[in-house]
Amino acid sequence: MTYRDTGREPTLILPGLRSFYQQISVLSWPLVRIIAGGFLLTHGWPKVMNIGIQAFATNSLARRGIEPALLLAYVVFFLETVGAVLIMLGLLTRPIALLLVIEFAVIVWTHIPAGYAWVKGGWEYPAFWGLLFVAIFMRGGGPYSLDRKFGREL
């Protein structure tokens, strides 16, 4: 048995909801993009405000053998703050998402020795984030994005 997309939506159990679903469906992608960027910002902002770039470079990156730690700390700070806001706005969505895919691939790589389970420091949660940014890279800003508003996207 193979799956074949017929281009038709499945029959609704409650057909009266069809118009509601059609009206809100355009909001699904902006919702994903805005929540992903917002949650990422909650990881980046404390690094900027509380940890500091030098401490993050030394205690997180260099300790794991990721060099040049200070330069890469600036990249992480940028992606998890400015990049998060750009994802939320849907501006330069694909380039920022691609850089985040690379960041999360490195994070996954450094967490592989701890195994799968995130509660034990494993790679599951960063892999989820990385795959989310793969999807954002593939789709781009979508509707209600500044990329779409300006009519240009990379």
N, C-alpha and C. Protein backbone atom coordinates (compact mmCIF):
# COMPACT_ATOMS: atom_id res chain seq x y z
N MET A 1 0.84 -1.18 0.00
CA MET A 1 0.00 0.00 0.00
C MET A 1 0.88 1.24 0.00
N THR A 2 0.55 2.17 -0.84
CA THR A 2 1.32 3.41 -0.89
C THR A 2 0.39 4.58 -0.63
N TYR A 3 0.99 5.64 -0.16
CA TYR A 3 0.24 6.86 0.08
C TYR A 3 0.32 7.71 -1.16
N ARG A 4 -0.83 8.21 -1.58
CA ARG A 4 -0.86 9.08 -2.74
C ARG A 4 -1.75 10.27 -2.39
N ASP A 5 -1.20 11.46 -2.56
CA ASP A 5 -1.97 12.66 -2.27
C ASP A 5 -2.89 12.94 -3.44
N THR A 6 -4.18 12.94 -3.18
CA THR A 6 -5.16 13.20 -4.22
C THR A 6 -5.43 14.68 -4.39
N GLY A 7 -4.85 15.50 -3.50
CA GLY A 7 -5.09 16.93 -3.57
C GLY A 7 -6.37 17.34 -2.88
N ARG A 8 -7.09 16.40 -2.33
CA ARG A 8 -8.35 16.69 -1.64
C ARG A 8 -8.15 16.58 -0.15
N GLU A 9 -8.83 17.44 0.57
CA GLU A 9 -8.83 17.36 2.03
C GLU A 9 -9.73 16.20 2.45
N PRO A 10 -9.45 15.59 3.59
CA PRO A 10 -10.32 14.51 4.05
C PRO A 10 -11.71 15.05 4.40
N THR A 11 -12.68 14.18 4.40
CA THR A 11 -14.04 14.55 4.77
C THR A 11 -14.07 14.90 6.25
N LEU A 12 -14.67 16.03 6.56
CA LEU A 12 -14.75 16.46 7.95
C LEU A 12 -15.85 15.71 8.69
N ILE A 13 -15.57 15.35 9.92
CA ILE A 13 -16.58 14.71 10.76
C ILE A 13 -17.68 15.74 11.08
N LEU A 14 -17.26 16.98 11.29
CA LEU A 14 -18.21 18.08 11.54
C LEU A 14 -18.09 19.07 10.38
N PRO A 15 -18.83 18.85 9.29
CA PRO A 15 -18.69 19.68 8.10
C PRO A 15 -18.96 21.16 8.34
N GLY A 16 -19.69 21.49 9.37
CA GLY A 16 -19.98 22.88 9.67
C GLY A 16 -18.74 23.68 10.05
N LEU A 17 -17.65 22.99 10.36
CA LEU A 17 -16.40 23.68 10.74
C LEU A 17 -15.53 24.03 9.54
N ARG A 18 -15.94 23.62 8.34
CA ARG A 18 -15.11 23.83 7.14
C ARG A 18 -14.73 25.30 6.96
N SER A 19 -15.68 26.20 7.02
CA SER A 19 -15.36 27.62 6.79
C SER A 19 -14.44 28.15 7.88
N PHE A 20 -14.64 27.70 9.12
CA PHE A 20 -13.75 28.11 10.21
C PHE A 20 -12.32 27.66 9.94
N TYR A 21 -12.15 26.39 9.56
CA TYR A 21 -10.80 25.86 9.27
C TYR A 21 -10.17 26.59 8.09
N GLN A 22 -10.95 26.91 7.07
CA GLN A 22 -10.41 27.62 5.91
C GLN A 22 -9.94 29.03 6.30
N GLN A 23 -10.68 29.68 7.18
CA GLN A 23 -10.31 31.03 7.59
C GLN A 23 -9.04 31.05 8.45
N ILE A 24 -8.88 30.07 9.32
CA ILE A 24 -7.72 30.10 10.23
C ILE A 24 -6.49 29.39 9.67
N SER A 25 -6.65 28.61 8.61
CA SER A 25 -5.50 27.83 8.11
C SER A 25 -4.34 28.72 7.69
N VAL A 26 -4.62 29.91 7.20
CA VAL A 26 -3.55 30.83 6.76
C VAL A 26 -2.70 31.29 7.95
N LEU A 27 -3.23 31.16 9.15
CA LEU A 27 -2.49 31.58 10.35
C LEU A 27 -1.55 30.51 10.89
N SER A 28 -1.65 29.28 10.40
CA SER A 28 -0.87 28.19 10.99
C SER A 28 0.64 28.40 10.84
N TRP A 29 1.11 28.80 9.65
CA TRP A 29 2.55 28.96 9.48
C TRP A 29 3.10 30.16 10.24
N PRO A 30 2.44 31.33 10.18
CA PRO A 30 2.95 32.43 11.01
C PRO A 30 2.99 32.07 12.49
N LEU A 31 2.03 31.30 12.94
CA LEU A 31 2.01 30.87 14.34
C LEU A 31 3.24 30.03 14.67
N VAL A 32 3.57 29.08 13.81
CA VAL A 32 4.76 28.25 14.01
C VAL A 32 6.01 29.12 14.03
N ARG A 33 6.13 30.00 13.05
CA ARG A 33 7.32 30.86 12.93
C ARG A 33 7.47 31.79 14.13
N ILE A 34 6.38 32.43 14.55
CA ILE A 34 6.43 33.39 15.65
C ILE A 34 6.72 32.69 16.97
N ILE A 35 6.11 31.54 17.20
CA ILE A 35 6.37 30.81 18.45
C ILE A 35 7.80 30.29 18.48
N ALA A 36 8.29 29.75 17.36
CA ALA A 36 9.67 29.26 17.32
C ALA A 36 10.65 30.39 17.62
N GLY A 37 10.46 31.54 16.98
CA GLY A 37 11.33 32.68 17.24
C GLY A 37 11.22 33.18 18.66
N GLY A 38 10.00 33.23 19.18
CA GLY A 38 9.79 33.70 20.55
C GLY A 38 10.42 32.79 21.58
N PHE A 39 10.26 31.49 21.40
CA PHE A 39 10.88 30.54 22.33
C PHE A 39 12.40 30.60 22.24
N LEU A 40 12.92 30.75 21.03
CA LEU A 40 14.37 30.86 20.87
C LEU A 40 14.89 32.11 21.56
N LEU A 41 14.15 33.19 21.47
CA LEU A 41 14.54 34.43 22.13
C LEU A 41 14.65 34.24 23.65
N THR A 42 13.79 33.40 24.22
CA THR A 42 13.86 33.15 25.67
C THR A 42 15.11 32.36 26.04
N HIS A 43 15.77 31.76 25.07
CA HIS A 43 17.05 31.09 25.34
C HIS A 43 18.22 32.04 25.13
N GLY A 44 18.08 32.95 24.18
CA GLY A 44 19.17 33.87 23.87
C GLY A 44 19.26 35.06 24.80
N TRP A 45 18.12 35.61 25.18
CA TRP A 45 18.12 36.81 26.01
C TRP A 45 18.85 36.63 27.34
N PRO A 46 18.59 35.55 28.08
CA PRO A 46 19.34 35.36 29.34
C PRO A 46 20.85 35.21 29.12
N LYS A 47 21.25 34.65 28.00
CA LYS A 47 22.68 34.55 27.71
C LYS A 47 23.29 35.94 27.60
N VAL A 48 22.58 36.83 26.93
CA VAL A 48 23.07 38.19 26.75
C VAL A 48 23.05 38.96 28.07
N MET A 49 21.93 38.87 28.79
CA MET A 49 21.73 39.71 29.97
C MET A 49 22.39 39.17 31.24
N ASN A 50 22.44 37.85 31.39
CA ASN A 50 22.90 37.27 32.65
C ASN A 50 24.27 36.61 32.57
N ILE A 51 24.49 35.84 31.54
CA ILE A 51 25.72 35.04 31.46
C ILE A 51 26.90 35.89 30.98
N GLY A 52 26.69 36.64 29.92
CA GLY A 52 27.77 37.44 29.33
C GLY A 52 28.52 36.64 28.29
N ILE A 53 29.02 37.34 27.31
CA ILE A 53 29.64 36.68 26.16
C ILE A 53 30.92 35.95 26.52
N GLN A 54 31.75 36.56 27.34
CA GLN A 54 33.02 35.92 27.71
C GLN A 54 32.78 34.64 28.51
N ALA A 55 31.87 34.71 29.46
CA ALA A 55 31.56 33.52 30.29
C ALA A 55 30.95 32.42 29.45
N PHE A 56 30.05 32.78 28.53
CA PHE A 56 29.44 31.77 27.66
C PHE A 56 30.49 31.12 26.77
N ALA A 57 31.39 31.94 26.21
CA ALA A 57 32.44 31.41 25.35
C ALA A 57 33.34 30.44 26.12
N THR A 58 33.71 30.82 27.34
CA THR A 58 34.61 29.99 28.14
C THR A 58 33.92 28.76 28.71
N ASN A 59 32.77 28.97 29.36
CA ASN A 59 32.13 27.90 30.12
C ASN A 59 31.28 26.96 29.27
N SER A 60 30.88 27.38 28.11
CA SER A 60 30.03 26.51 27.30
C SER A 60 30.74 26.04 26.03
N LEU A 61 31.27 26.96 25.26
CA LEU A 61 31.84 26.58 23.97
C LEU A 61 33.25 25.99 24.10
N ALA A 62 34.17 26.75 24.70
CA ALA A 62 35.56 26.28 24.80
C ALA A 62 35.65 25.00 25.61
N ARG A 63 34.84 24.89 26.64
CA ARG A 63 34.84 23.67 27.46
C ARG A 63 34.49 22.43 26.65
N ARG A 64 33.68 22.62 25.62
CA ARG A 64 33.28 21.51 24.74
C ARG A 64 34.21 21.36 23.54
N GLY A 65 35.24 22.21 23.46
CA GLY A 65 36.19 22.13 22.36
C GLY A 65 35.73 22.85 21.10
N ILE A 66 34.74 23.72 21.23
CA ILE A 66 34.23 24.48 20.09
C ILE A 66 35.01 25.79 20.01
N GLU A 67 35.83 25.90 18.98
CA GLU A 67 36.69 27.07 18.80
C GLU A 67 36.52 27.63 17.40
N PRO A 68 36.73 28.90 17.20
CA PRO A 68 37.11 29.95 18.13
C PRO A 68 35.89 30.34 18.99
N ALA A 69 35.99 30.08 20.26
CA ALA A 69 34.86 30.18 21.17
C ALA A 69 34.28 31.59 21.25
N LEU A 70 35.11 32.60 21.33
CA LEU A 70 34.59 33.96 21.49
C LEU A 70 33.83 34.41 20.24
N LEU A 71 34.39 34.16 19.08
CA LEU A 71 33.71 34.52 17.83
C LEU A 71 32.38 33.77 17.72
N LEU A 72 32.40 32.48 18.00
CA LEU A 72 31.17 31.69 17.89
C LEU A 72 30.15 32.07 18.96
N ALA A 73 30.62 32.55 20.11
CA ALA A 73 29.69 33.04 21.14
C ALA A 73 28.93 34.25 20.60
N TYR A 74 29.61 35.14 19.90
CA TYR A 74 28.93 36.29 19.29
C TYR A 74 27.90 35.82 18.26
N VAL A 75 28.25 34.79 17.49
CA VAL A 75 27.30 34.25 16.50
C VAL A 75 26.07 33.69 17.20
N VAL A 76 26.28 32.90 18.26
CA VAL A 76 25.15 32.33 19.01
C VAL A 76 24.30 33.45 19.62
N PHE A 77 24.94 34.44 20.22
CA PHE A 77 24.19 35.56 20.80
C PHE A 77 23.35 36.25 19.73
N PHE A 78 23.94 36.49 18.56
CA PHE A 78 23.22 37.14 17.46
C PHE A 78 22.04 36.28 17.01
N LEU A 79 22.28 35.00 16.76
CA LEU A 79 21.21 34.14 16.24
C LEU A 79 20.07 33.98 17.23
N GLU A 80 20.39 33.85 18.51
CA GLU A 80 19.36 33.57 19.50
C GLU A 80 18.67 34.84 20.01
N THR A 81 19.10 36.00 19.56
CA THR A 81 18.40 37.25 19.92
C THR A 81 17.89 37.93 18.64
N VAL A 82 18.79 38.55 17.89
CA VAL A 82 18.41 39.24 16.66
C VAL A 82 17.81 38.25 15.67
N GLY A 83 18.44 37.09 15.52
CA GLY A 83 17.92 36.07 14.61
C GLY A 83 16.53 35.60 15.01
N ALA A 84 16.31 35.44 16.30
CA ALA A 84 14.98 35.03 16.79
C ALA A 84 13.93 36.06 16.43
N VAL A 85 14.26 37.33 16.60
CA VAL A 85 13.31 38.41 16.25
C VAL A 85 13.06 38.42 14.74
N LEU A 86 14.11 38.22 13.94
CA LEU A 86 13.94 38.18 12.49
C LEU A 86 13.06 37.01 12.06
N ILE A 87 13.20 35.86 12.71
CA ILE A 87 12.33 34.72 12.42
C ILE A 87 10.88 35.08 12.76
N MET A 88 10.68 35.72 13.91
CA MET A 88 9.33 36.11 14.32
C MET A 88 8.72 37.08 13.30
N LEU A 89 9.50 38.02 12.80
CA LEU A 89 9.02 39.00 11.83
C LEU A 89 8.92 38.41 10.42
N GLY A 90 9.61 37.30 10.19
CA GLY A 90 9.64 36.73 8.86
C GLY A 90 10.50 37.54 7.91
N LEU A 91 11.60 38.07 8.42
CA LEU A 91 12.53 38.86 7.63
C LEU A 91 13.86 38.12 7.52
N LEU A 92 14.34 37.94 6.30
CA LEU A 92 15.55 37.14 6.05
C LEU A 92 15.38 35.75 6.66
N THR A 93 14.19 35.23 6.54
CA THR A 93 13.80 33.99 7.22
C THR A 93 14.70 32.82 6.84
N ARG A 94 14.89 32.59 5.57
CA ARG A 94 15.66 31.42 5.15
C ARG A 94 17.13 31.49 5.56
N PRO A 95 17.84 32.61 5.35
CA PRO A 95 19.25 32.63 5.78
C PRO A 95 19.41 32.44 7.29
N ILE A 96 18.54 33.08 8.07
CA ILE A 96 18.63 32.94 9.53
C ILE A 96 18.31 31.50 9.93
N ALA A 97 17.26 30.92 9.32
CA ALA A 97 16.91 29.54 9.65
C ALA A 97 18.04 28.58 9.30
N LEU A 98 18.72 28.81 8.18
CA LEU A 98 19.85 27.96 7.79
C LEU A 98 20.97 28.05 8.82
N LEU A 99 21.28 29.26 9.26
CA LEU A 99 22.31 29.42 10.29
C LEU A 99 21.90 28.73 11.59
N LEU A 100 20.62 28.79 11.92
CA LEU A 100 20.14 28.11 13.13
C LEU A 100 20.20 26.59 12.97
N VAL A 101 19.95 26.09 11.77
CA VAL A 101 20.09 24.65 11.53
C VAL A 101 21.53 24.22 11.81
N ILE A 102 22.49 25.02 11.36
CA ILE A 102 23.90 24.72 11.60
C ILE A 102 24.20 24.78 13.10
N GLU A 103 23.71 25.83 13.77
CA GLU A 103 23.94 25.93 15.22
C GLU A 103 23.39 24.71 15.94
N PHE A 104 22.16 24.32 15.61
CA PHE A 104 21.57 23.19 16.33
C PHE A 104 22.20 21.86 15.93
N ALA A 105 22.75 21.76 14.73
CA ALA A 105 23.50 20.54 14.37
C ALA A 105 24.74 20.41 15.25
N VAL A 106 25.41 21.52 15.51
CA VAL A 106 26.57 21.50 16.41
C VAL A 106 26.13 21.13 17.83
N ILE A 107 25.02 21.70 18.28
CA ILE A 107 24.52 21.39 19.62
C ILE A 107 24.17 19.91 19.72
N VAL A 108 23.51 19.37 18.70
CA VAL A 108 23.18 17.93 18.71
C VAL A 108 24.46 17.12 18.79
N TRP A 109 25.44 17.49 17.98
CA TRP A 109 26.72 16.76 17.95
C TRP A 109 27.36 16.72 19.33
N THR A 110 27.33 17.84 20.04
CA THR A 110 27.96 17.89 21.35
C THR A 110 27.16 17.14 22.42
N HIS A 111 25.87 16.88 22.15
CA HIS A 111 25.04 16.18 23.13
C HIS A 111 24.91 14.68 22.84
N ILE A 112 25.42 14.21 21.73
CA ILE A 112 25.32 12.79 21.38
C ILE A 112 25.89 11.87 22.46
N PRO A 113 27.04 12.20 23.06
CA PRO A 113 27.58 11.30 24.09
C PRO A 113 26.63 11.06 25.28
N ALA A 114 25.72 11.99 25.54
CA ALA A 114 24.79 11.84 26.67
C ALA A 114 23.59 10.96 26.31
N GLY A 115 23.49 10.54 25.04
CA GLY A 115 22.37 9.70 24.64
C GLY A 115 21.20 10.51 24.12
N TYR A 116 20.07 9.85 24.01
CA TYR A 116 18.89 10.45 23.40
C TYR A 116 18.13 11.39 24.33
N ALA A 117 17.85 10.97 25.54
CA ALA A 117 16.93 11.68 26.43
C ALA A 117 17.46 13.05 26.85
N TRP A 118 16.68 14.08 26.57
CA TRP A 118 17.09 15.44 26.92
C TRP A 118 17.20 15.61 28.42
N VAL A 119 16.35 14.95 29.18
CA VAL A 119 16.41 15.10 30.65
C VAL A 119 17.74 14.62 31.21
N LYS A 120 18.47 13.86 30.41
CA LYS A 120 19.81 13.42 30.82
C LYS A 120 20.89 14.15 30.03
N GLY A 121 20.52 15.29 29.42
CA GLY A 121 21.48 16.07 28.64
C GLY A 121 21.69 15.56 27.23
N GLY A 122 20.77 14.75 26.74
CA GLY A 122 20.90 14.14 25.43
C GLY A 122 20.55 15.06 24.28
N TRP A 123 20.47 14.47 23.09
CA TRP A 123 20.36 15.23 21.86
C TRP A 123 18.93 15.42 21.36
N GLU A 124 17.94 14.84 22.01
CA GLU A 124 16.57 14.87 21.50
C GLU A 124 16.01 16.29 21.33
N TYR A 125 16.11 17.12 22.34
CA TYR A 125 15.54 18.47 22.30
C TYR A 125 16.24 19.36 21.29
N PRO A 126 17.57 19.42 21.26
CA PRO A 126 18.20 20.23 20.21
C PRO A 126 17.92 19.70 18.80
N ALA A 127 17.74 18.39 18.65
CA ALA A 127 17.39 17.85 17.33
C ALA A 127 16.01 18.33 16.91
N PHE A 128 15.08 18.37 17.85
CA PHE A 128 13.74 18.89 17.58
C PHE A 128 13.83 20.33 17.08
N TRP A 129 14.59 21.16 17.81
CA TRP A 129 14.77 22.55 17.40
C TRP A 129 15.40 22.64 16.01
N GLY A 130 16.43 21.86 15.78
CA GLY A 130 17.09 21.89 14.47
C GLY A 130 16.15 21.52 13.35
N LEU A 131 15.33 20.49 13.56
CA LEU A 131 14.38 20.07 12.53
C LEU A 131 13.28 21.12 12.32
N LEU A 132 12.89 21.81 13.38
CA LEU A 132 11.93 22.90 13.25
C LEU A 132 12.51 24.00 12.35
N PHE A 133 13.78 24.31 12.54
CA PHE A 133 14.40 25.34 11.70
C PHE A 133 14.67 24.83 10.28
N VAL A 134 14.82 23.52 10.09
CA VAL A 134 14.87 22.96 8.73
C VAL A 134 13.54 23.25 8.02
N ALA A 135 12.43 23.01 8.72
CA ALA A 135 11.11 23.27 8.14
C ALA A 135 10.94 24.75 7.83
N ILE A 136 11.38 25.62 8.72
CA ILE A 136 11.27 27.06 8.48
C ILE A 136 12.15 27.45 7.29
N PHE A 137 13.33 26.86 7.19
CA PHE A 137 14.20 27.12 6.04
C PHE A 137 13.50 26.69 4.75
N MET A 138 12.88 25.52 4.76
CA MET A 138 12.23 25.00 3.55
C MET A 138 11.03 25.84 3.14
N ARG A 139 10.25 26.31 4.10
CA ARG A 139 9.01 27.04 3.81
C ARG A 139 9.24 28.54 3.63
N GLY A 140 10.23 29.08 4.29
CA GLY A 140 10.45 30.52 4.24
C GLY A 140 9.48 31.24 5.16
N GLY A 141 9.37 32.54 4.97
CA GLY A 141 8.54 33.37 5.84
C GLY A 141 7.07 33.07 5.75
N GLY A 142 6.60 32.73 4.56
CA GLY A 142 5.19 32.42 4.39
C GLY A 142 4.31 33.65 4.50
N PRO A 143 3.00 33.40 4.63
CA PRO A 143 2.08 34.54 4.73
C PRO A 143 2.31 35.32 6.02
N TYR A 144 2.01 36.58 5.98
CA TYR A 144 2.16 37.48 7.12
C TYR A 144 3.62 37.60 7.57
N SER A 145 4.52 37.62 6.61
CA SER A 145 5.93 37.82 6.92
C SER A 145 6.41 39.08 6.21
N LEU A 146 7.47 39.68 6.72
CA LEU A 146 8.04 40.84 6.04
C LEU A 146 8.67 40.44 4.71
N ASP A 147 9.19 39.23 4.63
CA ASP A 147 9.70 38.75 3.34
C ASP A 147 8.58 38.83 2.29
N ARG A 148 7.41 38.36 2.65
CA ARG A 148 6.28 38.39 1.72
C ARG A 148 5.83 39.82 1.44
N LYS A 149 5.82 40.65 2.47
CA LYS A 149 5.40 42.05 2.32
C LYS A 149 6.31 42.78 1.33
N PHE A 150 7.62 42.53 1.44
CA PHE A 150 8.57 43.19 0.54
C PHE A 150 8.64 42.51 -0.82
N GLY A 151 8.05 41.32 -0.94
CA GLY A 151 8.03 40.62 -2.21
C GLY A 151 9.36 40.04 -2.63
N ARG A 152 10.26 39.87 -1.66
CA ARG A 152 11.58 39.32 -1.94
C ARG A 152 11.96 38.34 -0.85
N GLU A 153 12.59 37.27 -1.27
CA GLU A 153 13.04 36.27 -0.30
C GLU A 153 14.25 35.56 -0.88
N LEU A 154 15.17 35.21 -0.03
CA LEU A 154 16.36 34.48 -0.49
C LEU A 154 16.05 33.01 -0.60
